[in-house]
Amino acid sequence: MEIAKKEVVLSTFYLKDIQDIYEYGEATFGIRLALIFYEDLKLIVRDLETNYLVNPECRHLETKTKIYRNIILGSYLIIYRINANRIEVLRAFHGSRSPKIIKLVRKVKI
């Protein structure tokens, strides 16, 4: 059974999050490692167009239809929503974020 290919759309919150993650990585680990992490992140998100069901449901955003999923990359949690015709990448959080903050992702509009 082949999974339908869906368009991947990035929220402005997500774009700001990854910019902040890159800047933190550059200051903490150097340009080379920050770029490697950023490229890994881009690759994983790009693969969502066909692999959106591979990742588990986000335990902070449980629904009957399991539309909120997360990817764990290092210490970061990338949250996306599965819609009928597209994948919406909503936020990228450090794993130490409060569940209360993570639950606000439901309100992100694209």
PDB file of N, CA and C in Angstrom:
ATOM      1  N   MET A   1       0.838  -1.179   0.000  1.00  0.00           N
ATOM      2  CA  MET A   1       0.000   0.000   0.000  1.00  0.00           C
ATOM      3  C   MET A   1       0.886   1.246   0.000  1.00  0.00           C
ATOM      4  N   GLU A   2       0.646   2.107  -0.952  1.00  0.00           N
ATOM      5  CA  GLU A   2       1.444   3.319  -1.078  1.00  0.00           C
ATOM      6  C   GLU A   2       0.739   4.491  -0.401  1.00  0.00           C
ATOM      7  N   ILE A   3       1.494   5.265   0.356  1.00  0.00           N
ATOM      8  CA  ILE A   3       0.953   6.434   1.048  1.00  0.00           C
ATOM      9  C   ILE A   3       0.944   7.613   0.084  1.00  0.00           C
ATOM     10  N   ALA A   4      -0.167   8.356   0.090  1.00  0.00           N
ATOM     11  CA  ALA A   4      -0.299   9.513  -0.788  1.00  0.00           C
ATOM     12  C   ALA A   4       0.729  10.580  -0.431  1.00  0.00           C
ATOM     13  N   LYS A   5       1.308  11.180  -1.458  1.00  0.00           N
ATOM     14  CA  LYS A   5       2.274  12.256  -1.266  1.00  0.00           C
ATOM     15  C   LYS A   5       1.502  13.539  -0.955  1.00  0.00           C
ATOM     16  N   LYS A   6       1.966  14.270   0.076  1.00  0.00           N
ATOM     17  CA  LYS A   6       1.301  15.512   0.476  1.00  0.00           C
ATOM     18  C   LYS A   6       2.295  16.658   0.498  1.00  0.00           C
ATOM     19  N   GLU A   7       1.791  17.840   0.210  1.00  0.00           N
ATOM     20  CA  GLU A   7       2.599  19.044   0.265  1.00  0.00           C
ATOM     21  C   GLU A   7       2.987  19.327   1.723  1.00  0.00           C
ATOM     22  N   VAL A   8       4.219  19.742   1.945  1.00  0.00           N
ATOM     23  CA  VAL A   8       4.691  20.111   3.283  1.00  0.00           C
ATOM     24  C   VAL A   8       4.749  21.637   3.352  1.00  0.00           C
ATOM     25  N   VAL A   9       4.035  22.208   4.335  1.00  0.00           N
ATOM     26  CA  VAL A   9       3.968  23.652   4.512  1.00  0.00           C
ATOM     27  C   VAL A   9       4.567  23.994   5.877  1.00  0.00           C
ATOM     28  N   LEU A  10       5.424  25.014   5.905  1.00  0.00           N
ATOM     29  CA  LEU A  10       6.106  25.411   7.137  1.00  0.00           C
ATOM     30  C   LEU A  10       5.458  26.674   7.713  1.00  0.00           C
ATOM     31  N   SER A  11       5.176  26.656   9.012  1.00  0.00           N
ATOM     32  CA  SER A  11       4.597  27.841   9.651  1.00  0.00           C
ATOM     33  C   SER A  11       5.687  28.882   9.892  1.00  0.00           C
ATOM     34  N   THR A  12       5.281  30.128  10.047  1.00  0.00           N
ATOM     35  CA  THR A  12       6.246  31.184  10.357  1.00  0.00           C
ATOM     36  C   THR A  12       6.864  30.954  11.736  1.00  0.00           C
ATOM     37  N   PHE A  13       6.093  30.361  12.656  1.00  0.00           N
ATOM     38  CA  PHE A  13       6.640  30.026  13.979  1.00  0.00           C
ATOM     39  C   PHE A  13       7.777  29.015  13.846  1.00  0.00           C
ATOM     40  N   TYR A  14       7.575  27.999  13.006  1.00  0.00           N
ATOM     41  CA  TYR A  14       8.599  26.980  12.796  1.00  0.00           C
ATOM     42  C   TYR A  14       9.856  27.605  12.199  1.00  0.00           C
ATOM     43  N   LEU A  15       9.681  28.470  11.211  1.00  0.00           N
ATOM     44  CA  LEU A  15      10.836  29.106  10.573  1.00  0.00           C
ATOM     45  C   LEU A  15      11.633  29.937  11.582  1.00  0.00           C
ATOM     46  N   LYS A  16      10.943  30.633  12.463  1.00  0.00           N
ATOM     47  CA  LYS A  16      11.613  31.406  13.516  1.00  0.00           C
ATOM     48  C   LYS A  16      12.305  30.460  14.509  1.00  0.00           C
ATOM     49  N   ASP A  17      11.626  29.366  14.856  1.00  0.00           N
ATOM     50  CA  ASP A  17      12.210  28.392  15.781  1.00  0.00           C
ATOM     51  C   ASP A  17      13.525  27.832  15.252  1.00  0.00           C
ATOM     52  N   ILE A  18      13.550  27.442  13.969  1.00  0.00           N
ATOM     53  CA  ILE A  18      14.781  26.835  13.449  1.00  0.00           C
ATOM     54  C   ILE A  18      15.895  27.868  13.287  1.00  0.00           C
ATOM     55  N   GLN A  19      15.524  29.112  13.055  1.00  0.00           N
ATOM     56  CA  GLN A  19      16.526  30.172  13.014  1.00  0.00           C
ATOM     57  C   GLN A  19      17.158  30.321  14.403  1.00  0.00           C
ATOM     58  N   ASP A  20      16.325  30.324  15.431  1.00  0.00           N
ATOM     59  CA  ASP A  20      16.828  30.431  16.809  1.00  0.00           C
ATOM     60  C   ASP A  20      17.687  29.216  17.181  1.00  0.00           C
ATOM     61  N   ILE A  21      17.256  28.032  16.750  1.00  0.00           N
ATOM     62  CA  ILE A  21      18.020  26.809  17.035  1.00  0.00           C
ATOM     63  C   ILE A  21      19.388  26.876  16.352  1.00  0.00           C
ATOM     64  N   TYR A  22      19.400  27.337  15.106  1.00  0.00           N
ATOM     65  CA  TYR A  22      20.665  27.456  14.386  1.00  0.00           C
ATOM     66  C   TYR A  22      21.603  28.438  15.091  1.00  0.00           C
ATOM     67  N   GLU A  23      21.075  29.599  15.458  1.00  0.00           N
ATOM     68  CA  GLU A  23      21.901  30.612  16.117  1.00  0.00           C
ATOM     69  C   GLU A  23      22.453  30.098  17.454  1.00  0.00           C
ATOM     70  N   TYR A  24      21.629  29.392  18.211  1.00  0.00           N
ATOM     71  CA  TYR A  24      22.090  28.805  19.465  1.00  0.00           C
ATOM     72  C   TYR A  24      23.192  27.768  19.189  1.00  0.00           C
ATOM     73  N   GLY A  25      22.967  26.912  18.197  1.00  0.00           N
ATOM     74  CA  GLY A  25      23.955  25.884  17.839  1.00  0.00           C
ATOM     75  C   GLY A  25      25.257  26.488  17.371  1.00  0.00           C
ATOM     76  N   GLU A  26      25.182  27.544  16.596  1.00  0.00           N
ATOM     77  CA  GLU A  26      26.385  28.207  16.105  1.00  0.00           C
ATOM     78  C   GLU A  26      27.190  28.802  17.267  1.00  0.00           C
ATOM     79  N   ALA A  27      26.492  29.456  18.198  1.00  0.00           N
ATOM     80  CA  ALA A  27      27.166  30.077  19.342  1.00  0.00           C
ATOM     81  C   ALA A  27      27.731  29.020  20.296  1.00  0.00           C
ATOM     82  N   THR A  28      27.046  27.889  20.420  1.00  0.00           N
ATOM     83  CA  THR A  28      27.437  26.867  21.390  1.00  0.00           C
ATOM     84  C   THR A  28      28.411  25.840  20.824  1.00  0.00           C
ATOM     85  N   PHE A  29      28.155  25.383  19.590  1.00  0.00           N
ATOM     86  CA  PHE A  29      28.919  24.273  19.026  1.00  0.00           C
ATOM     87  C   PHE A  29      29.754  24.642  17.807  1.00  0.00           C
ATOM     88  N   GLY A  30      29.547  25.813  17.249  1.00  0.00           N
ATOM     89  CA  GLY A  30      30.279  26.247  16.066  1.00  0.00           C
ATOM     90  C   GLY A  30      29.458  26.119  14.797  1.00  0.00           C
ATOM     91  N   ILE A  31      29.925  26.799  13.767  1.00  0.00           N
ATOM     92  CA  ILE A  31      29.194  26.870  12.491  1.00  0.00           C
ATOM     93  C   ILE A  31      29.022  25.494  11.866  1.00  0.00           C
ATOM     94  N   ARG A  32      30.080  24.694  11.842  1.00  0.00           N
ATOM     95  CA  ARG A  32      30.030  23.393  11.176  1.00  0.00           C
ATOM     96  C   ARG A  32      28.940  22.493  11.757  1.00  0.00           C
ATOM     97  N   LEU A  33      28.918  22.331  13.073  1.00  0.00           N
ATOM     98  CA  LEU A  33      27.919  21.461  13.697  1.00  0.00           C
ATOM     99  C   LEU A  33      26.515  22.044  13.598  1.00  0.00           C
ATOM    100  N   ALA A  34      26.407  23.370  13.674  1.00  0.00           N
ATOM    101  CA  ALA A  34      25.093  24.010  13.528  1.00  0.00           C
ATOM    102  C   ALA A  34      24.541  23.749  12.127  1.00  0.00           C
ATOM    103  N   LEU A  35      25.397  23.832  11.114  1.00  0.00           N
ATOM    104  CA  LEU A  35      24.965  23.567   9.733  1.00  0.00           C
ATOM    105  C   LEU A  35      24.562  22.106   9.544  1.00  0.00           C
ATOM    106  N   ILE A  36      25.308  21.193  10.128  1.00  0.00           N
ATOM    107  CA  ILE A  36      24.973  19.769  10.019  1.00  0.00           C
ATOM    108  C   ILE A  36      23.595  19.507  10.626  1.00  0.00           C
ATOM    109  N   PHE A  37      23.344  20.058  11.804  1.00  0.00           N
ATOM    110  CA  PHE A  37      22.049  19.878  12.462  1.00  0.00           C
ATOM    111  C   PHE A  37      20.934  20.487  11.624  1.00  0.00           C
ATOM    112  N   TYR A  38      21.166  21.689  11.102  1.00  0.00           N
ATOM    113  CA  TYR A  38      20.172  22.374  10.273  1.00  0.00           C
ATOM    114  C   TYR A  38      19.860  21.567   9.011  1.00  0.00           C
ATOM    115  N   GLU A  39      20.883  21.032   8.364  1.00  0.00           N
ATOM    116  CA  GLU A  39      20.673  20.220   7.153  1.00  0.00           C
ATOM    117  C   GLU A  39      19.908  18.932   7.480  1.00  0.00           C
ATOM    118  N   ASP A  40      20.215  18.309   8.610  1.00  0.00           N
ATOM    119  CA  ASP A  40      19.457  17.121   9.046  1.00  0.00           C
ATOM    120  C   ASP A  40      17.987  17.464   9.242  1.00  0.00           C
ATOM    121  N   LEU A  41      17.744  18.593   9.853  1.00  0.00           N
ATOM    122  CA  LEU A  41      16.377  19.049  10.097  1.00  0.00           C
ATOM    123  C   LEU A  41      15.629  19.271   8.786  1.00  0.00           C
ATOM    124  N   LYS A  42      16.281  19.941   7.838  1.00  0.00           N
ATOM    125  CA  LYS A  42      15.653  20.177   6.529  1.00  0.00           C
ATOM    126  C   LYS A  42      15.326  18.866   5.816  1.00  0.00           C
ATOM    127  N   LEU A  43      16.232  17.908   5.868  1.00  0.00           N
ATOM    128  CA  LEU A  43      16.032  16.621   5.213  1.00  0.00           C
ATOM    129  C   LEU A  43      14.853  15.862   5.826  1.00  0.00           C
ATOM    130  N   ILE A  44      14.802  15.832   7.147  1.00  0.00           N
ATOM    131  CA  ILE A  44      13.712  15.128   7.830  1.00  0.00           C
ATOM    132  C   ILE A  44      12.361  15.754   7.505  1.00  0.00           C
ATOM    133  N   VAL A  45      12.296  17.076   7.497  1.00  0.00           N
ATOM    134  CA  VAL A  45      11.035  17.766   7.206  1.00  0.00           C
ATOM    135  C   VAL A  45      10.645  17.561   5.747  1.00  0.00           C
ATOM    136  N   ARG A  46      11.603  17.590   4.843  1.00  0.00           N
ATOM    137  CA  ARG A  46      11.303  17.363   3.428  1.00  0.00           C
ATOM    138  C   ARG A  46      10.741  15.952   3.197  1.00  0.00           C
ATOM    139  N   ASP A  47      11.251  14.978   3.946  1.00  0.00           N
ATOM    140  CA  ASP A  47      10.776  13.597   3.814  1.00  0.00           C
ATOM    141  C   ASP A  47       9.356  13.398   4.326  1.00  0.00           C
ATOM    142  N   LEU A  48       8.818  14.377   5.031  1.00  0.00           N
ATOM    143  CA  LEU A  48       7.451  14.251   5.548  1.00  0.00           C
ATOM    144  C   LEU A  48       6.409  14.123   4.443  1.00  0.00           C
ATOM    145  N   GLU A  49       6.721  14.588   3.232  1.00  0.00           N
ATOM    146  CA  GLU A  49       5.720  14.521   2.164  1.00  0.00           C
ATOM    147  C   GLU A  49       5.253  13.093   1.890  1.00  0.00           C
ATOM    148  N   THR A  50       6.099  12.118   2.186  1.00  0.00           N
ATOM    149  CA  THR A  50       5.675  10.720   2.016  1.00  0.00           C
ATOM    150  C   THR A  50       5.767   9.898   3.304  1.00  0.00           C
ATOM    151  N   ASN A  51       6.494  10.386   4.292  1.00  0.00           N
ATOM    152  CA  ASN A  51       6.702   9.621   5.525  1.00  0.00           C
ATOM    153  C   ASN A  51       6.017  10.235   6.738  1.00  0.00           C
ATOM    154  N   TYR A  52       4.913  10.895   6.540  1.00  0.00           N
ATOM    155  CA  TYR A  52       4.241  11.605   7.634  1.00  0.00           C
ATOM    156  C   TYR A  52       3.590  10.686   8.661  1.00  0.00           C
ATOM    157  N   LEU A  53       3.329   9.438   8.319  1.00  0.00           N
ATOM    158  CA  LEU A  53       2.712   8.515   9.271  1.00  0.00           C
ATOM    159  C   LEU A  53       3.726   7.706  10.079  1.00  0.00           C
ATOM    160  N   VAL A  54       4.996   7.838   9.768  1.00  0.00           N
ATOM    161  CA  VAL A  54       6.048   7.064  10.425  1.00  0.00           C
ATOM    162  C   VAL A  54       6.245   7.491  11.882  1.00  0.00           C
ATOM    163  N   ASN A  55       6.107   8.772  12.147  1.00  0.00           N
ATOM    164  CA  ASN A  55       6.382   9.309  13.476  1.00  0.00           C
ATOM    165  C   ASN A  55       5.191   9.137  14.408  1.00  0.00           C
ATOM    166  N   PRO A  56       5.459   9.059  15.720  1.00  0.00           N
ATOM    167  CA  PRO A  56       4.368   8.827  16.677  1.00  0.00           C
ATOM    168  C   PRO A  56       3.490  10.061  16.878  1.00  0.00           C
ATOM    169  N   GLU A  57       2.305   9.806  17.411  1.00  0.00           N
ATOM    170  CA  GLU A  57       1.427  10.909  17.789  1.00  0.00           C
ATOM    171  C   GLU A  57       2.099  11.702  18.905  1.00  0.00           C
ATOM    172  N   CYS A  58       1.939  13.009  18.870  1.00  0.00           N
ATOM    173  CA  CYS A  58       2.495  13.854  19.923  1.00  0.00           C
ATOM    174  C   CYS A  58       1.695  13.618  21.202  1.00  0.00           C
ATOM    175  N   ARG A  59       2.350  13.154  22.245  1.00  0.00           N
ATOM    176  CA  ARG A  59       1.648  12.784  23.473  1.00  0.00           C
ATOM    177  C   ARG A  59       1.046  13.983  24.189  1.00  0.00           C
ATOM    178  N   HIS A  60       1.492  15.190  23.853  1.00  0.00           N
ATOM    179  CA  HIS A  60       0.942  16.399  24.464  1.00  0.00           C
ATOM    180  C   HIS A  60      -0.291  16.911  23.715  1.00  0.00           C
ATOM    181  N   LEU A  61      -0.524  16.371  22.526  1.00  0.00           N
ATOM    182  CA  LEU A  61      -1.621  16.837  21.658  1.00  0.00           C
ATOM    183  C   LEU A  61      -2.423  15.654  21.128  1.00  0.00           C
ATOM    184  N   GLU A  62      -2.855  14.786  21.985  1.00  0.00           N
ATOM    185  CA  GLU A  62      -3.555  13.582  21.544  1.00  0.00           C
ATOM    186  C   GLU A  62      -4.939  13.911  20.975  1.00  0.00           C
ATOM    187  N   THR A  63      -5.276  13.237  19.871  1.00  0.00           N
ATOM    188  CA  THR A  63      -6.595  13.347  19.246  1.00  0.00           C
ATOM    189  C   THR A  63      -7.023  11.952  18.795  1.00  0.00           C
ATOM    190  N   LYS A  64      -8.304  11.787  18.520  1.00  0.00           N
ATOM    191  CA  LYS A  64      -8.791  10.491  18.040  1.00  0.00           C
ATOM    192  C   LYS A  64      -8.188  10.142  16.689  1.00  0.00           C
ATOM    193  N   THR A  65      -8.004  11.145  15.850  1.00  0.00           N
ATOM    194  CA  THR A  65      -7.489  10.903  14.504  1.00  0.00           C
ATOM    195  C   THR A  65      -5.966  10.941  14.401  1.00  0.00           C
ATOM    196  N   LYS A  66      -5.295  11.238  15.509  1.00  0.00           N
ATOM    197  CA  LYS A  66      -3.829  11.275  15.564  1.00  0.00           C
ATOM    198  C   LYS A  66      -3.220  12.226  14.526  1.00  0.00           C
ATOM    199  N   ILE A  67      -3.804  13.418  14.411  1.00  0.00           N
ATOM    200  CA  ILE A  67      -3.318  14.365  13.397  1.00  0.00           C
ATOM    201  C   ILE A  67      -2.061  15.107  13.829  1.00  0.00           C
ATOM    202  N   TYR A  68      -1.790  15.176  15.132  1.00  0.00           N
ATOM    203  CA  TYR A  68      -0.582  15.845  15.606  1.00  0.00           C
ATOM    204  C   TYR A  68       0.505  14.801  15.847  1.00  0.00           C
ATOM    205  N   ARG A  69       1.599  14.940  15.127  1.00  0.00           N
ATOM    206  CA  ARG A  69       2.714  14.005  15.233  1.00  0.00           C
ATOM    207  C   ARG A  69       3.965  14.777  15.621  1.00  0.00           C
ATOM    208  N   ASN A  70       4.971  14.053  16.098  1.00  0.00           N
ATOM    209  CA  ASN A  70       6.233  14.718  16.417  1.00  0.00           C
ATOM    210  C   ASN A  70       7.423  13.907  15.941  1.00  0.00           C
ATOM    211  N   ILE A  71       8.468  14.651  15.676  1.00  0.00           N
ATOM    212  CA  ILE A  71       9.763  14.081  15.313  1.00  0.00           C
ATOM    213  C   ILE A  71      10.717  14.486  16.425  1.00  0.00           C
ATOM    214  N   ILE A  72      11.505  13.555  16.906  1.00  0.00           N
ATOM    215  CA  ILE A  72      12.520  13.882  17.902  1.00  0.00           C
ATOM    216  C   ILE A  72      13.869  13.869  17.202  1.00  0.00           C
ATOM    217  N   LEU A  73      14.549  14.999  17.263  1.00  0.00           N
ATOM    218  CA  LEU A  73      15.869  15.141  16.659  1.00  0.00           C
ATOM    219  C   LEU A  73      16.787  15.738  17.722  1.00  0.00           C
ATOM    220  N   GLY A  74      17.654  14.913  18.265  1.00  0.00           N
ATOM    221  CA  GLY A  74      18.497  15.362  19.365  1.00  0.00           C
ATOM    222  C   GLY A  74      17.621  15.717  20.550  1.00  0.00           C
ATOM    223  N   SER A  75      17.744  16.936  21.026  1.00  0.00           N
ATOM    224  CA  SER A  75      16.943  17.408  22.159  1.00  0.00           C
ATOM    225  C   SER A  75      15.704  18.167  21.712  1.00  0.00           C
ATOM    226  N   TYR A  76      15.413  18.140  20.428  1.00  0.00           N
ATOM    227  CA  TYR A  76      14.319  18.946  19.890  1.00  0.00           C
ATOM    228  C   TYR A  76      13.126  18.105  19.462  1.00  0.00           C
ATOM    229  N   LEU A  77      11.975  18.725  19.576  1.00  0.00           N
ATOM    230  CA  LEU A  77      10.697  18.117  19.217  1.00  0.00           C
ATOM    231  C   LEU A  77      10.107  18.956  18.091  1.00  0.00           C
ATOM    232  N   ILE A  78       9.925  18.365  16.917  1.00  0.00           N
ATOM    233  CA  ILE A  78       9.320  19.053  15.779  1.00  0.00           C
ATOM    234  C   ILE A  78       7.887  18.544  15.668  1.00  0.00           C
ATOM    235  N   ILE A  79       6.935  19.449  15.766  1.00  0.00           N
ATOM    236  CA  ILE A  79       5.527  19.056  15.774  1.00  0.00           C
ATOM    237  C   ILE A  79       4.880  19.437  14.453  1.00  0.00           C
ATOM    238  N   TYR A  80       4.140  18.479  13.880  1.00  0.00           N
ATOM    239  CA  TYR A  80       3.421  18.746  12.634  1.00  0.00           C
ATOM    240  C   TYR A  80       2.004  18.206  12.718  1.00  0.00           C
ATOM    241  N   ARG A  81       1.154  18.745  11.825  1.00  0.00           N
ATOM    242  CA  ARG A  81      -0.257  18.374  11.778  1.00  0.00           C
ATOM    243  C   ARG A  81      -0.544  17.792  10.397  1.00  0.00           C
ATOM    244  N   ILE A  82      -1.270  16.678  10.378  1.00  0.00           N
ATOM    245  CA  ILE A  82      -1.638  16.030   9.121  1.00  0.00           C
ATOM    246  C   ILE A  82      -3.042  16.495   8.739  1.00  0.00           C
ATOM    247  N   ASN A  83      -3.155  17.122   7.585  1.00  0.00           N
ATOM    248  CA  ASN A  83      -4.456  17.528   7.041  1.00  0.00           C
ATOM    249  C   ASN A  83      -4.783  16.672   5.825  1.00  0.00           C
ATOM    250  N   ALA A  84      -5.951  16.863   5.281  1.00  0.00           N
ATOM    251  CA  ALA A  84      -6.396  16.044   4.150  1.00  0.00           C
ATOM    252  C   ALA A  84      -5.451  16.120   2.947  1.00  0.00           C
ATOM    253  N   ASN A  85      -4.930  17.322   2.658  1.00  0.00           N
ATOM    254  CA  ASN A  85      -4.107  17.449   1.461  1.00  0.00           C
ATOM    255  C   ASN A  85      -2.715  18.031   1.701  1.00  0.00           C
ATOM    256  N   ARG A  86      -2.352  18.244   2.976  1.00  0.00           N
ATOM    257  CA  ARG A  86      -1.003  18.766   3.234  1.00  0.00           C
ATOM    258  C   ARG A  86      -0.545  18.446   4.661  1.00  0.00           C
ATOM    259  N   ILE A  87       0.756  18.611   4.853  1.00  0.00           N
ATOM    260  CA  ILE A  87       1.385  18.444   6.161  1.00  0.00           C
ATOM    261  C   ILE A  87       1.818  19.838   6.609  1.00  0.00           C
ATOM    262  N   GLU A  88       1.392  20.225   7.797  1.00  0.00           N
ATOM    263  CA  GLU A  88       1.734  21.542   8.318  1.00  0.00           C
ATOM    264  C   GLU A  88       2.754  21.388   9.450  1.00  0.00           C
ATOM    265  N   VAL A  89       3.979  21.855   9.212  1.00  0.00           N
ATOM    266  CA  VAL A  89       5.016  21.808  10.238  1.00  0.00           C
ATOM    267  C   VAL A  89       4.818  23.051  11.097  1.00  0.00           C
ATOM    268  N   LEU A  90       4.486  22.830  12.379  1.00  0.00           N
ATOM    269  CA  LEU A  90       4.011  23.911  13.229  1.00  0.00           C
ATOM    270  C   LEU A  90       5.083  24.571  14.085  1.00  0.00           C
ATOM    271  N   ARG A  91       5.864  23.785  14.818  1.00  0.00           N
ATOM    272  CA  ARG A  91       6.850  24.348  15.748  1.00  0.00           C
ATOM    273  C   ARG A  91       8.014  23.386  15.924  1.00  0.00           C
ATOM    274  N   ALA A  92       9.123  23.916  16.428  1.00  0.00           N
ATOM    275  CA  ALA A  92      10.276  23.118  16.845  1.00  0.00           C
ATOM    276  C   ALA A  92      10.648  23.598  18.242  1.00  0.00           C
ATOM    277  N   PHE A  93      10.524  22.729  19.218  1.00  0.00           N
ATOM    278  CA  PHE A  93      10.770  23.068  20.622  1.00  0.00           C
ATOM    279  C   PHE A  93      11.932  22.274  21.175  1.00  0.00           C
ATOM    280  N   HIS A  94      12.611  22.854  22.157  1.00  0.00           N
ATOM    281  CA  HIS A  94      13.568  22.078  22.928  1.00  0.00           C
ATOM    282  C   HIS A  94      12.760  21.135  23.812  1.00  0.00           C
ATOM    283  N   GLY A  95      13.239  19.936  24.027  1.00  0.00           N
ATOM    284  CA  GLY A  95      12.520  18.923  24.792  1.00  0.00           C
ATOM    285  C   GLY A  95      12.219  19.303  26.227  1.00  0.00           C
ATOM    286  N   SER A  96      12.902  20.314  26.756  1.00  0.00           N
ATOM    287  CA  SER A  96      12.668  20.723  28.140  1.00  0.00           C
ATOM    288  C   SER A  96      11.493  21.681  28.287  1.00  0.00           C
ATOM    289  N   ARG A  97      10.847  22.035  27.172  1.00  0.00           N
ATOM    290  CA  ARG A  97       9.701  22.948  27.230  1.00  0.00           C
ATOM    291  C   ARG A  97       8.557  22.342  28.007  1.00  0.00           C
ATOM    292  N   SER A  98       7.819  23.200  28.663  1.00  0.00           N
ATOM    293  CA  SER A  98       6.661  22.796  29.450  1.00  0.00           C
ATOM    294  C   SER A  98       5.560  22.234  28.545  1.00  0.00           C
ATOM    295  N   PRO A  99       4.892  21.158  28.966  1.00  0.00           N
ATOM    296  CA  PRO A  99       3.761  20.634  28.186  1.00  0.00           C
ATOM    297  C   PRO A  99       2.677  21.694  27.957  1.00  0.00           C
ATOM    298  N   LYS A 100       2.534  22.603  28.888  1.00  0.00           N
ATOM    299  CA  LYS A 100       1.544  23.673  28.750  1.00  0.00           C
ATOM    300  C   LYS A 100       1.858  24.548  27.528  1.00  0.00           C
ATOM    301  N   ILE A 101       3.137  24.839  27.313  1.00  0.00           N
ATOM    302  CA  ILE A 101       3.574  25.623  26.150  1.00  0.00           C
ATOM    303  C   ILE A 101       3.376  24.811  24.874  1.00  0.00           C
ATOM    304  N   ILE A 102       3.718  23.546  24.926  1.00  0.00           N
ATOM    305  CA  ILE A 102       3.586  22.685  23.741  1.00  0.00           C
ATOM    306  C   ILE A 102       2.119  22.588  23.312  1.00  0.00           C
ATOM    307  N   LYS A 103       1.200  22.548  24.257  1.00  0.00           N
ATOM    308  CA  LYS A 103      -0.226  22.438  23.933  1.00  0.00           C
ATOM    309  C   LYS A 103      -0.750  23.641  23.163  1.00  0.00           C
ATOM    310  N   LEU A 104      -0.067  24.768  23.232  1.00  0.00           N
ATOM    311  CA  LEU A 104      -0.479  25.957  22.482  1.00  0.00           C
ATOM    312  C   LEU A 104      -0.303  25.789  20.972  1.00  0.00           C
ATOM    313  N   VAL A 105       0.412  24.749  20.568  1.00  0.00           N
ATOM    314  CA  VAL A 105       0.627  24.487  19.144  1.00  0.00           C
ATOM    315  C   VAL A 105      -0.693  24.292  18.408  1.00  0.00           C
ATOM    316  N   ARG A 106      -1.708  23.784  19.081  1.00  0.00           N
ATOM    317  CA  ARG A 106      -3.026  23.601  18.442  1.00  0.00           C
ATOM    318  C   ARG A 106      -3.548  24.881  17.808  1.00  0.00           C
ATOM    319  N   LYS A 107      -3.160  26.026  18.361  1.00  0.00           N
ATOM    320  CA  LYS A 107      -3.676  27.317  17.892  1.00  0.00           C
ATOM    321  C   LYS A 107      -2.909  27.887  16.704  1.00  0.00           C
ATOM    322  N   VAL A 108      -1.813  27.252  16.299  1.00  0.00           N
ATOM    323  CA  VAL A 108      -1.012  27.755  15.186  1.00  0.00           C
ATOM    324  C   VAL A 108      -1.794  27.593  13.885  1.00  0.00           C
ATOM    325  N   LYS A 109      -1.916  28.708  13.174  1.00  0.00           N
ATOM    326  CA  LYS A 109      -2.609  28.731  11.867  1.00  0.00           C
ATOM    327  C   LYS A 109      -1.582  28.925  10.763  1.00  0.00           C
ATOM    328  N   ILE A 110      -1.835  28.280   9.643  1.00  0.00           N
ATOM    329  CA  ILE A 110      -0.934  28.441   8.484  1.00  0.00           C
ATOM    330  C   ILE A 110      -1.749  28.987   7.323  1.00  0.00           C
TER     331      ILE A 110
END
